[in-house]
Amino acid sequence: MFVIAGLGNPTRQYEGTRHNVGFDVIDALADKYNIAVDARKCRAYVGKGIIEGQKVLLVKPQTYMNLSGESIRGIVDYFKIDPEEELLVIYDDISLNPGQLRVRAKGSAGGHNGMKNIITCLGTDVFARIKVGIGKKPKEYDLADYVLSRFGKEERTLVEEAYGHAVRAAEQIVKGEIQSAMNEYNRKVKVMEE
């Protein structure tokens, strides 16, 4: 089974914020493949289904962003998956322009607290990830306020388009074609790598 986890914060007040793009991509996958992500397991909403012929578990941790690793560690242990081979994490990245993607097979947290917690809880940084660009924080903003803000109209259009790209990248990763996803989606990025 392949676990696809999107990061975000629970409750209605965080819906549509920059920090919740991981949840939004999970919702897009769930809609496309008719997977109900409404069961509770390991402090997360989960839904089982099939994507590209592979059994998948879509996961939306409900621990709040900075403790995402606690939920994902529980899922990894409960379903006995190998995170290096069967885990994909989708989350926001302020170093990428709105709507840009970056696909990686491994790497650091890059300053993202949710990813720091996942890497700490799993004891490895070797697992697939899709970063969805949310844009750089304006100088006058506090980082927490910025990531919890909503997209402007133009940004929203770019980000919603990126959700479709993220769905296609996830499909490739589930099929074992992460290099193809990296070749397709990383080449358009003009922002410096972390």
C-alpha atoms as a PDB file:
ATOM      1  CA  MET A   1       0.000   0.000   0.000  1.00  0.00           C
ATOM      2  CA  PHE A   2       1.174   3.533  -0.807  1.00  0.00           C
ATOM      3  CA  VAL A   3       0.469   6.274   1.742  1.00  0.00           C
ATOM      4  CA  ILE A   4      -0.122   9.774   0.342  1.00  0.00           C
ATOM      5  CA  ALA A   5      -0.238  12.342   3.135  1.00  0.00           C
ATOM      6  CA  GLY A   6      -1.158  15.976   2.633  1.00  0.00           C
ATOM      7  CA  LEU A   7      -0.216  18.422   5.357  1.00  0.00           C
ATOM      8  CA  GLY A   8      -2.465  21.105   6.792  1.00  0.00           C
ATOM      9  CA  ASN A   9      -4.291  22.285   9.884  1.00  0.00           C
ATOM     10  CA  PRO A  10      -7.681  20.911  10.928  1.00  0.00           C
ATOM     11  CA  THR A  11     -10.871  22.926  11.481  1.00  0.00           C
ATOM     12  CA  ARG A  12     -12.750  25.274   9.191  1.00  0.00           C
ATOM     13  CA  GLN A  13     -10.783  28.377  10.174  1.00  0.00           C
ATOM     14  CA  TYR A  14      -7.719  27.064   8.265  1.00  0.00           C
ATOM     15  CA  GLU A  15      -9.527  25.919   5.103  1.00  0.00           C
ATOM     16  CA  GLY A  16      -8.157  27.624   2.007  1.00  0.00           C
ATOM     17  CA  THR A  17      -5.025  28.967   3.727  1.00  0.00           C
ATOM     18  CA  ARG A  18      -1.546  28.716   2.215  1.00  0.00           C
ATOM     19  CA  HIS A  19      -0.495  26.189   4.850  1.00  0.00           C
ATOM     20  CA  ASN A  20      -3.329  23.827   3.843  1.00  0.00           C
ATOM     21  CA  VAL A  21      -2.362  23.172   0.213  1.00  0.00           C
ATOM     22  CA  GLY A  22      -1.436  19.590   1.183  1.00  0.00           C
ATOM     23  CA  PHE A  23      -5.015  18.975   2.342  1.00  0.00           C
ATOM     24  CA  ASP A  24      -6.303  20.573  -0.871  1.00  0.00           C
ATOM     25  CA  VAL A  25      -4.256  18.209  -3.068  1.00  0.00           C
ATOM     26  CA  ILE A  26      -5.536  15.223  -1.058  1.00  0.00           C
ATOM     27  CA  ASP A  27      -9.083  16.502  -1.672  1.00  0.00           C
ATOM     28  CA  ALA A  28      -8.324  16.731  -5.422  1.00  0.00           C
ATOM     29  CA  LEU A  29      -7.017  13.137  -5.457  1.00  0.00           C
ATOM     30  CA  ALA A  30     -10.020  11.980  -3.420  1.00  0.00           C
ATOM     31  CA  ASP A  31     -12.425  13.677  -5.863  1.00  0.00           C
ATOM     32  CA  LYS A  32     -10.709  12.248  -8.954  1.00  0.00           C
ATOM     33  CA  TYR A  33     -10.586   8.683  -7.617  1.00  0.00           C
ATOM     34  CA  ASN A  34     -13.834   8.765  -5.624  1.00  0.00           C
ATOM     35  CA  ILE A  35     -12.093   8.021  -2.314  1.00  0.00           C
ATOM     36  CA  ALA A  36     -13.894   9.065   0.863  1.00  0.00           C
ATOM     37  CA  VAL A  37     -11.317  10.492   3.283  1.00  0.00           C
ATOM     38  CA  ASP A  38     -13.560  10.300   6.329  1.00  0.00           C
ATOM     39  CA  ALA A  39     -12.380   7.359   8.452  1.00  0.00           C
ATOM     40  CA  ARG A  40     -10.369   8.123  11.598  1.00  0.00           C
ATOM     41  CA  LYS A  41      -7.049   6.376  12.207  1.00  0.00           C
ATOM     42  CA  CYS A  42      -3.878   7.474  14.045  1.00  0.00           C
ATOM     43  CA  ARG A  43      -5.115  11.047  14.619  1.00  0.00           C
ATOM     44  CA  ALA A  44      -5.843  11.523  10.923  1.00  0.00           C
ATOM     45  CA  TYR A  45      -8.652  11.358   8.414  1.00  0.00           C
ATOM     46  CA  VAL A  46      -7.888   8.518   6.022  1.00  0.00           C
ATOM     47  CA  GLY A  47      -9.427   6.949   2.940  1.00  0.00           C
ATOM     48  CA  LYS A  48      -8.481   3.755   1.079  1.00  0.00           C
ATOM     49  CA  GLY A  49      -8.666   3.465  -2.684  1.00  0.00           C
ATOM     50  CA  ILE A  50      -6.853   2.579  -5.895  1.00  0.00           C
ATOM     51  CA  ILE A  51      -4.705   5.005  -7.924  1.00  0.00           C
ATOM     52  CA  GLU A  52      -2.937   3.794 -11.073  1.00  0.00           C
ATOM     53  CA  GLY A  53      -3.607   0.169 -10.081  1.00  0.00           C
ATOM     54  CA  GLN A  54      -1.939   0.631  -6.681  1.00  0.00           C
ATOM     55  CA  LYS A  55      -3.698   0.433  -3.312  1.00  0.00           C
ATOM     56  CA  VAL A  56      -3.373   3.805  -1.617  1.00  0.00           C
ATOM     57  CA  LEU A  57      -4.242   5.411   1.673  1.00  0.00           C
ATOM     58  CA  LEU A  58      -4.960   9.132   1.482  1.00  0.00           C
ATOM     59  CA  VAL A  59      -4.124  10.820   4.798  1.00  0.00           C
ATOM     60  CA  LYS A  60      -4.925  14.236   6.313  1.00  0.00           C
ATOM     61  CA  PRO A  61      -3.243  14.432   9.760  1.00  0.00           C
ATOM     62  CA  GLN A  62      -5.404  16.176  12.361  1.00  0.00           C
ATOM     63  CA  THR A  63      -2.559  16.942  14.789  1.00  0.00           C
ATOM     64  CA  TYR A  64      -1.994  20.493  13.483  1.00  0.00           C
ATOM     65  CA  MET A  65       0.910  21.134  11.143  1.00  0.00           C
ATOM     66  CA  ASN A  66       3.820  21.160  13.580  1.00  0.00           C
ATOM     67  CA  LEU A  67       2.974  17.692  14.962  1.00  0.00           C
ATOM     68  CA  SER A  68       2.227  16.025  11.601  1.00  0.00           C
ATOM     69  CA  GLY A  69       4.951  13.433  12.210  1.00  0.00           C
ATOM     70  CA  GLU A  70       3.118  11.938  15.182  1.00  0.00           C
ATOM     71  CA  SER A  71       0.137  11.031  13.014  1.00  0.00           C
ATOM     72  CA  ILE A  72       2.230   9.881  10.040  1.00  0.00           C
ATOM     73  CA  ARG A  73       4.453   7.737  12.283  1.00  0.00           C
ATOM     74  CA  GLY A  74       1.311   6.062  13.620  1.00  0.00           C
ATOM     75  CA  ILE A  75       0.075   5.380  10.070  1.00  0.00           C
ATOM     76  CA  VAL A  76       3.479   4.007   8.979  1.00  0.00           C
ATOM     77  CA  ASP A  77       3.579   1.651  11.984  1.00  0.00           C
ATOM     78  CA  TYR A  78      -0.081   0.583  11.831  1.00  0.00           C
ATOM     79  CA  PHE A  79      -0.027  -0.265   8.118  1.00  0.00           C
ATOM     80  CA  LYS A  80       3.573  -1.558   8.239  1.00  0.00           C
ATOM     81  CA  ILE A  81       4.739   0.450   5.242  1.00  0.00           C
ATOM     82  CA  ASP A  82       8.310   1.341   4.335  1.00  0.00           C
ATOM     83  CA  PRO A  83       8.395   5.166   4.231  1.00  0.00           C
ATOM     84  CA  GLU A  84      11.385   5.138   1.881  1.00  0.00           C
ATOM     85  CA  GLU A  85       9.371   3.190  -0.714  1.00  0.00           C
ATOM     86  CA  GLU A  86       5.688   3.767   0.090  1.00  0.00           C
ATOM     87  CA  LEU A  87       5.232   7.292   1.478  1.00  0.00           C
ATOM     88  CA  LEU A  88       4.533  10.555  -0.338  1.00  0.00           C
ATOM     89  CA  VAL A  89       4.094  13.813   1.601  1.00  0.00           C
ATOM     90  CA  ILE A  90       2.521  16.889  -0.046  1.00  0.00           C
ATOM     91  CA  TYR A  91       2.994  20.304   1.555  1.00  0.00           C
ATOM     92  CA  ASP A  92       3.446  24.056   1.080  1.00  0.00           C
ATOM     93  CA  ASP A  93       6.755  25.750   0.276  1.00  0.00           C
ATOM     94  CA  ILE A  94       7.405  29.499   0.658  1.00  0.00           C
ATOM     95  CA  SER A  95      10.584  29.335  -1.457  1.00  0.00           C
ATOM     96  CA  LEU A  96       8.537  28.533  -4.581  1.00  0.00           C
ATOM     97  CA  ASN A  97       6.282  30.934  -6.475  1.00  0.00           C
ATOM     98  CA  PRO A  98       2.534  30.309  -6.162  1.00  0.00           C
ATOM     99  CA  GLY A  99       1.612  27.309  -8.278  1.00  0.00           C
ATOM    100  CA  GLN A 100       5.130  25.980  -8.861  1.00  0.00           C
ATOM    101  CA  LEU A 101       5.906  22.403  -7.851  1.00  0.00           C
ATOM    102  CA  ARG A 102       9.073  20.718  -6.689  1.00  0.00           C
ATOM    103  CA  VAL A 103       9.206  16.911  -6.558  1.00  0.00           C
ATOM    104  CA  ARG A 104      11.906  15.213  -4.481  1.00  0.00           C
ATOM    105  CA  ALA A 105      12.748  11.629  -3.452  1.00  0.00           C
ATOM    106  CA  LYS A 106      14.386  12.823  -0.217  1.00  0.00           C
ATOM    107  CA  GLY A 107      15.747  15.929   1.466  1.00  0.00           C
ATOM    108  CA  SER A 108      15.818  18.254   4.430  1.00  0.00           C
ATOM    109  CA  ALA A 109      12.802  19.944   5.981  1.00  0.00           C
ATOM    110  CA  GLY A 110      13.907  23.250   4.440  1.00  0.00           C
ATOM    111  CA  GLY A 111      12.642  25.154   7.477  1.00  0.00           C
ATOM    112  CA  HIS A 112       9.126  23.629   7.290  1.00  0.00           C
ATOM    113  CA  ASN A 113       8.065  22.685  10.820  1.00  0.00           C
ATOM    114  CA  GLY A 114       5.632  19.980   9.725  1.00  0.00           C
ATOM    115  CA  MET A 115       8.374  18.297   7.694  1.00  0.00           C
ATOM    116  CA  LYS A 116      10.881  18.678  10.559  1.00  0.00           C
ATOM    117  CA  ASN A 117       8.473  16.796  12.812  1.00  0.00           C
ATOM    118  CA  ILE A 118       7.888  14.047  10.226  1.00  0.00           C
ATOM    119  CA  ILE A 119      11.641  13.543   9.667  1.00  0.00           C
ATOM    120  CA  THR A 120      12.201  13.432  13.451  1.00  0.00           C
ATOM    121  CA  CYS A 121       9.349  10.975  14.064  1.00  0.00           C
ATOM    122  CA  LEU A 122      10.297   8.681  11.163  1.00  0.00           C
ATOM    123  CA  GLY A 123      14.041   8.911  11.756  1.00  0.00           C
ATOM    124  CA  THR A 124      14.661   9.396   8.023  1.00  0.00           C
ATOM    125  CA  ASP A 125      14.429  12.112   5.398  1.00  0.00           C
ATOM    126  CA  VAL A 126      14.306   9.556   2.575  1.00  0.00           C
ATOM    127  CA  PHE A 127      10.703   9.632   1.360  1.00  0.00           C
ATOM    128  CA  ALA A 128       8.987  11.206  -1.636  1.00  0.00           C
ATOM    129  CA  ARG A 129       7.552  14.678  -1.384  1.00  0.00           C
ATOM    130  CA  ILE A 130       5.727  17.192  -3.550  1.00  0.00           C
ATOM    131  CA  LYS A 131       6.154  20.818  -2.537  1.00  0.00           C
ATOM    132  CA  VAL A 132       3.507  23.260  -3.729  1.00  0.00           C
ATOM    133  CA  GLY A 133       4.679  26.862  -3.986  1.00  0.00           C
ATOM    134  CA  ILE A 134       2.769  29.443  -1.952  1.00  0.00           C
ATOM    135  CA  GLY A 135       5.069  32.420  -2.595  1.00  0.00           C
ATOM    136  CA  LYS A 136       7.618  34.286  -0.532  1.00  0.00           C
ATOM    137  CA  LYS A 137       6.545  36.032   2.657  1.00  0.00           C
ATOM    138  CA  PRO A 138       6.319  39.810   2.216  1.00  0.00           C
ATOM    139  CA  LYS A 139       8.757  41.692   4.495  1.00  0.00           C
ATOM    140  CA  GLU A 140       6.012  43.247   6.596  1.00  0.00           C
ATOM    141  CA  TYR A 141       4.382  39.865   7.401  1.00  0.00           C
ATOM    142  CA  ASP A 142       5.072  37.542  10.304  1.00  0.00           C
ATOM    143  CA  LEU A 143       5.753  34.045   8.877  1.00  0.00           C
ATOM    144  CA  ALA A 144       2.944  32.385  10.869  1.00  0.00           C
ATOM    145  CA  ASP A 145       0.459  35.055   9.777  1.00  0.00           C
ATOM    146  CA  TYR A 146       1.569  34.683   6.157  1.00  0.00           C
ATOM    147  CA  VAL A 147       1.229  30.892   5.907  1.00  0.00           C
ATOM    148  CA  LEU A 148      -2.172  31.106   7.597  1.00  0.00           C
ATOM    149  CA  SER A 149      -3.381  33.772   5.146  1.00  0.00           C
ATOM    150  CA  ARG A 150      -5.474  33.079   2.052  1.00  0.00           C
ATOM    151  CA  PHE A 151      -4.411  33.439  -1.566  1.00  0.00           C
ATOM    152  CA  GLY A 152      -5.288  36.469  -3.645  1.00  0.00           C
ATOM    153  CA  LYS A 153      -7.425  35.908  -6.755  1.00  0.00           C
ATOM    154  CA  GLU A 154      -4.516  35.594  -9.222  1.00  0.00           C
ATOM    155  CA  GLU A 155      -2.514  33.395  -6.852  1.00  0.00           C
ATOM    156  CA  ARG A 156      -5.553  31.178  -6.251  1.00  0.00           C
ATOM    157  CA  THR A 157      -5.851  30.515 -10.007  1.00  0.00           C
ATOM    158  CA  LEU A 158      -2.176  29.481 -10.198  1.00  0.00           C
ATOM    159  CA  VAL A 159      -2.371  27.317  -7.091  1.00  0.00           C
ATOM    160  CA  GLU A 160      -5.537  25.521  -8.195  1.00  0.00           C
ATOM    161  CA  GLU A 161      -3.822  24.740 -11.508  1.00  0.00           C
ATOM    162  CA  ALA A 162      -0.879  23.386  -9.480  1.00  0.00           C
ATOM    163  CA  TYR A 163      -3.236  21.014  -7.649  1.00  0.00           C
ATOM    164  CA  GLY A 164      -3.897  19.295 -10.991  1.00  0.00           C
ATOM    165  CA  HIS A 165      -0.151  19.051 -11.628  1.00  0.00           C
ATOM    166  CA  ALA A 166       0.386  17.683  -8.100  1.00  0.00           C
ATOM    167  CA  VAL A 167      -2.285  15.039  -8.710  1.00  0.00           C
ATOM    168  CA  ARG A 168      -0.494  13.957 -11.897  1.00  0.00           C
ATOM    169  CA  ALA A 169       2.886  13.944 -10.135  1.00  0.00           C
ATOM    170  CA  ALA A 170       1.404  11.800  -7.332  1.00  0.00           C
ATOM    171  CA  GLU A 171       0.077   9.357  -9.935  1.00  0.00           C
ATOM    172  CA  GLN A 172       3.570   9.049 -11.425  1.00  0.00           C
ATOM    173  CA  ILE A 173       5.156   8.546  -7.994  1.00  0.00           C
ATOM    174  CA  VAL A 174       2.634   5.834  -7.082  1.00  0.00           C
ATOM    175  CA  LYS A 175       3.580   4.039 -10.334  1.00  0.00           C
ATOM    176  CA  GLY A 176       7.263   4.198  -9.347  1.00  0.00           C
ATOM    177  CA  GLU A 177       8.050   6.962 -11.831  1.00  0.00           C
ATOM    178  CA  ILE A 178       9.356   9.662  -9.481  1.00  0.00           C
ATOM    179  CA  GLN A 179      12.182  10.552 -11.873  1.00  0.00           C
ATOM    180  CA  SER A 180       9.621  11.258 -14.617  1.00  0.00           C
ATOM    181  CA  ALA A 181       7.662  13.475 -12.221  1.00  0.00           C
ATOM    182  CA  MET A 182      10.854  15.324 -11.259  1.00  0.00           C
ATOM    183  CA  ASN A 183      11.797  15.815 -14.918  1.00  0.00           C
ATOM    184  CA  GLU A 184       8.345  17.131 -15.778  1.00  0.00           C
ATOM    185  CA  TYR A 185       7.636  19.417 -12.835  1.00  0.00           C
ATOM    186  CA  ASN A 186      11.036  20.563 -11.531  1.00  0.00           C
ATOM    187  CA  ARG A 187      12.340  21.998 -14.803  1.00  0.00           C
ATOM    188  CA  LYS A 188       9.906  24.944 -14.754  1.00  0.00           C
ATOM    189  CA  VAL A 189      11.178  26.232 -11.412  1.00  0.00           C
ATOM    190  CA  LYS A 190      13.229  29.429 -11.458  1.00  0.00           C
ATOM    191  CA  VAL A 191      13.671  29.710  -7.682  1.00  0.00           C
ATOM    192  CA  MET A 192      16.933  28.685  -5.988  1.00  0.00           C
ATOM    193  CA  GLU A 193      17.022  25.174  -4.451  1.00  0.00           C
ATOM    194  CA  GLU A 194      17.217  25.076  -0.666  1.00  0.00           C
END
